[in-house]
N, C-alpha and C. Protein backbone atom coordinates (compact mmCIF):
# COMPACT_ATOMS: atom_id res chain seq x y z
N MET A 1 -62.20 21.36 -24.47
CA MET A 1 -62.12 20.72 -25.77
C MET A 1 -62.89 19.41 -25.77
N LYS A 2 -62.83 18.70 -24.64
CA LYS A 2 -63.52 17.41 -24.55
C LYS A 2 -65.04 17.60 -24.65
N ARG A 3 -65.55 18.69 -24.08
CA ARG A 3 -66.99 18.98 -24.17
C ARG A 3 -67.40 19.17 -25.62
N PHE A 4 -66.59 19.87 -26.36
CA PHE A 4 -66.90 20.13 -27.77
C PHE A 4 -66.93 18.83 -28.57
N ILE A 5 -65.96 17.94 -28.31
CA ILE A 5 -65.90 16.66 -29.03
C ILE A 5 -67.13 15.81 -28.67
N ASN A 6 -67.48 15.78 -27.39
CA ASN A 6 -68.68 15.04 -26.97
C ASN A 6 -69.93 15.62 -27.60
N TYR A 7 -70.00 16.94 -27.66
CA TYR A 7 -71.15 17.60 -28.28
C TYR A 7 -71.26 17.20 -29.75
N CYS A 8 -70.16 17.23 -30.47
CA CYS A 8 -70.16 16.86 -31.89
C CYS A 8 -70.58 15.41 -32.08
N LYS A 9 -70.08 14.51 -31.23
CA LYS A 9 -70.45 13.09 -31.32
C LYS A 9 -71.94 12.90 -31.06
N GLU A 10 -72.46 13.57 -30.04
CA GLU A 10 -73.88 13.45 -29.71
C GLU A 10 -74.76 14.04 -30.81
N ALA A 11 -74.33 15.17 -31.35
CA ALA A 11 -75.10 15.78 -32.44
C ALA A 11 -75.13 14.87 -33.66
N TYR A 12 -74.00 14.28 -34.00
CA TYR A 12 -73.93 13.36 -35.13
C TYR A 12 -74.83 12.15 -34.90
N THR A 13 -74.75 11.58 -33.71
CA THR A 13 -75.57 10.41 -33.38
C THR A 13 -77.05 10.75 -33.48
N GLU A 14 -77.43 11.90 -32.99
CA GLU A 14 -78.84 12.30 -33.05
C GLU A 14 -79.29 12.51 -34.50
N LEU A 15 -78.45 13.17 -35.30
CA LEU A 15 -78.83 13.40 -36.69
C LEU A 15 -78.94 12.10 -37.49
N VAL A 16 -78.08 11.14 -37.20
CA VAL A 16 -78.07 9.89 -37.96
C VAL A 16 -79.16 8.93 -37.49
N HIS A 17 -79.39 8.84 -36.18
CA HIS A 17 -80.26 7.79 -35.66
C HIS A 17 -81.63 8.26 -35.17
N LYS A 18 -81.77 9.53 -34.81
CA LYS A 18 -83.03 9.97 -34.20
C LYS A 18 -83.86 10.87 -35.10
N VAL A 19 -83.25 11.53 -36.05
CA VAL A 19 -83.98 12.45 -36.92
C VAL A 19 -84.62 11.67 -38.06
N SER A 20 -85.89 11.97 -38.33
CA SER A 20 -86.56 11.32 -39.47
C SER A 20 -86.49 12.28 -40.65
N TRP A 21 -85.76 11.89 -41.66
CA TRP A 21 -85.58 12.72 -42.83
C TRP A 21 -86.70 12.47 -43.83
N PRO A 22 -87.20 13.51 -44.50
CA PRO A 22 -88.29 13.31 -45.46
C PRO A 22 -87.80 12.57 -46.70
N SER A 23 -88.73 11.87 -47.33
CA SER A 23 -88.40 11.21 -48.59
C SER A 23 -88.34 12.26 -49.70
N TYR A 24 -87.84 11.85 -50.84
CA TYR A 24 -87.74 12.78 -51.98
C TYR A 24 -89.12 13.28 -52.37
N LYS A 25 -90.12 12.40 -52.38
CA LYS A 25 -91.47 12.79 -52.76
C LYS A 25 -92.05 13.80 -51.75
N GLU A 26 -91.87 13.54 -50.46
CA GLU A 26 -92.34 14.47 -49.44
C GLU A 26 -91.66 15.83 -49.58
N LEU A 27 -90.38 15.79 -49.88
CA LEU A 27 -89.61 17.02 -50.02
C LEU A 27 -90.09 17.84 -51.22
N THR A 28 -90.33 17.18 -52.35
CA THR A 28 -90.80 17.91 -53.53
C THR A 28 -92.22 18.42 -53.31
N ASN A 29 -93.07 17.64 -52.64
CA ASN A 29 -94.42 18.12 -52.35
C ASN A 29 -94.38 19.36 -51.46
N SER A 30 -93.53 19.33 -50.46
CA SER A 30 -93.41 20.50 -49.58
C SER A 30 -92.88 21.71 -50.33
N ALA A 31 -91.92 21.48 -51.23
CA ALA A 31 -91.37 22.59 -52.01
C ALA A 31 -92.43 23.20 -52.90
N VAL A 32 -93.28 22.37 -53.49
CA VAL A 32 -94.36 22.88 -54.35
C VAL A 32 -95.35 23.68 -53.52
N VAL A 33 -95.69 23.21 -52.34
CA VAL A 33 -96.61 23.95 -51.46
C VAL A 33 -96.03 25.31 -51.11
N VAL A 34 -94.75 25.35 -50.77
CA VAL A 34 -94.10 26.62 -50.42
C VAL A 34 -94.07 27.55 -51.63
N LEU A 35 -93.78 27.01 -52.81
CA LEU A 35 -93.75 27.82 -54.03
C LEU A 35 -95.11 28.42 -54.33
N VAL A 36 -96.15 27.62 -54.27
CA VAL A 36 -97.50 28.11 -54.56
C VAL A 36 -97.92 29.15 -53.53
N ALA A 37 -97.68 28.88 -52.26
CA ALA A 37 -98.03 29.83 -51.21
C ALA A 37 -97.29 31.15 -51.39
N SER A 38 -96.02 31.08 -51.77
CA SER A 38 -95.23 32.30 -51.99
C SER A 38 -95.80 33.10 -53.16
N LEU A 39 -96.17 32.40 -54.22
CA LEU A 39 -96.75 33.10 -55.38
C LEU A 39 -98.08 33.75 -55.03
N VAL A 40 -98.92 33.04 -54.29
CA VAL A 40 -100.22 33.60 -53.90
C VAL A 40 -100.02 34.83 -53.03
N ILE A 41 -99.13 34.76 -52.07
CA ILE A 41 -98.87 35.91 -51.20
C ILE A 41 -98.30 37.07 -52.01
N ALA A 42 -97.41 36.79 -52.95
CA ALA A 42 -96.84 37.85 -53.78
C ALA A 42 -97.92 38.53 -54.60
N VAL A 43 -98.84 37.76 -55.15
CA VAL A 43 -99.93 38.35 -55.95
C VAL A 43 -100.84 39.19 -55.07
N VAL A 44 -101.15 38.70 -53.88
CA VAL A 44 -102.00 39.47 -52.95
C VAL A 44 -101.33 40.80 -52.59
N VAL A 45 -100.05 40.76 -52.28
CA VAL A 45 -99.33 41.99 -51.93
C VAL A 45 -99.28 42.94 -53.13
N TRP A 46 -99.09 42.39 -54.34
CA TRP A 46 -99.06 43.22 -55.55
C TRP A 46 -100.41 43.91 -55.76
N VAL A 47 -101.50 43.17 -55.60
CA VAL A 47 -102.84 43.75 -55.77
C VAL A 47 -103.09 44.83 -54.71
N MET A 48 -102.68 44.57 -53.48
CA MET A 48 -102.83 45.57 -52.43
C MET A 48 -102.02 46.82 -52.75
N ASP A 49 -100.82 46.64 -53.30
CA ASP A 49 -99.98 47.76 -53.68
C ASP A 49 -100.64 48.59 -54.78
N LEU A 50 -101.20 47.91 -55.78
CA LEU A 50 -101.90 48.63 -56.85
C LEU A 50 -103.09 49.41 -56.30
N GLY A 51 -103.83 48.78 -55.41
CA GLY A 51 -104.97 49.47 -54.81
C GLY A 51 -104.55 50.67 -54.00
N PHE A 52 -103.51 50.52 -53.20
CA PHE A 52 -103.01 51.63 -52.40
C PHE A 52 -102.51 52.76 -53.30
N GLU A 53 -101.83 52.39 -54.39
CA GLU A 53 -101.34 53.39 -55.33
C GLU A 53 -102.50 54.18 -55.94
N SER A 54 -103.56 53.48 -56.31
CA SER A 54 -104.73 54.15 -56.89
C SER A 54 -105.38 55.10 -55.89
N VAL A 55 -105.51 54.65 -54.66
CA VAL A 55 -106.11 55.50 -53.62
C VAL A 55 -105.26 56.74 -53.39
N MET A 56 -103.95 56.57 -53.32
CA MET A 56 -103.07 57.72 -53.07
C MET A 56 -103.09 58.69 -54.25
N LYS A 57 -103.13 58.18 -55.48
CA LYS A 57 -103.22 59.07 -56.64
C LYS A 57 -104.51 59.87 -56.59
N PHE A 58 -105.62 59.21 -56.23
CA PHE A 58 -106.90 59.91 -56.11
C PHE A 58 -106.82 61.00 -55.05
N ILE A 59 -106.26 60.69 -53.90
CA ILE A 59 -106.14 61.67 -52.82
C ILE A 59 -105.28 62.84 -53.25
N TYR A 60 -104.13 62.57 -53.89
CA TYR A 60 -103.26 63.65 -54.32
C TYR A 60 -103.92 64.52 -55.40
N LYS A 61 -104.72 63.94 -56.26
CA LYS A 61 -105.42 64.73 -57.27
C LYS A 61 -106.44 65.64 -56.62
N GLN A 62 -107.08 65.17 -55.55
CA GLN A 62 -108.06 65.98 -54.84
C GLN A 62 -107.40 67.14 -54.09
N ILE A 63 -106.19 66.92 -53.60
CA ILE A 63 -105.49 67.94 -52.84
C ILE A 63 -104.93 69.00 -53.77
N ILE A 64 -104.36 68.58 -54.89
CA ILE A 64 -103.69 69.52 -55.79
C ILE A 64 -104.62 70.09 -56.79
């Protein structure tokens, strides 16, 4: 039990005194970057899906 209490105290001390937390502006900038990157990746995957769908429809029409 003493190990656990020491661990909690050390973790708290590290989080309060050693971790550098981002400012609100840095946090919002990072969130915008993640949002834009996610949207770009989603659009790329959607376009790839449409292309794959078209190719498969063409192949199935040729087979049938």
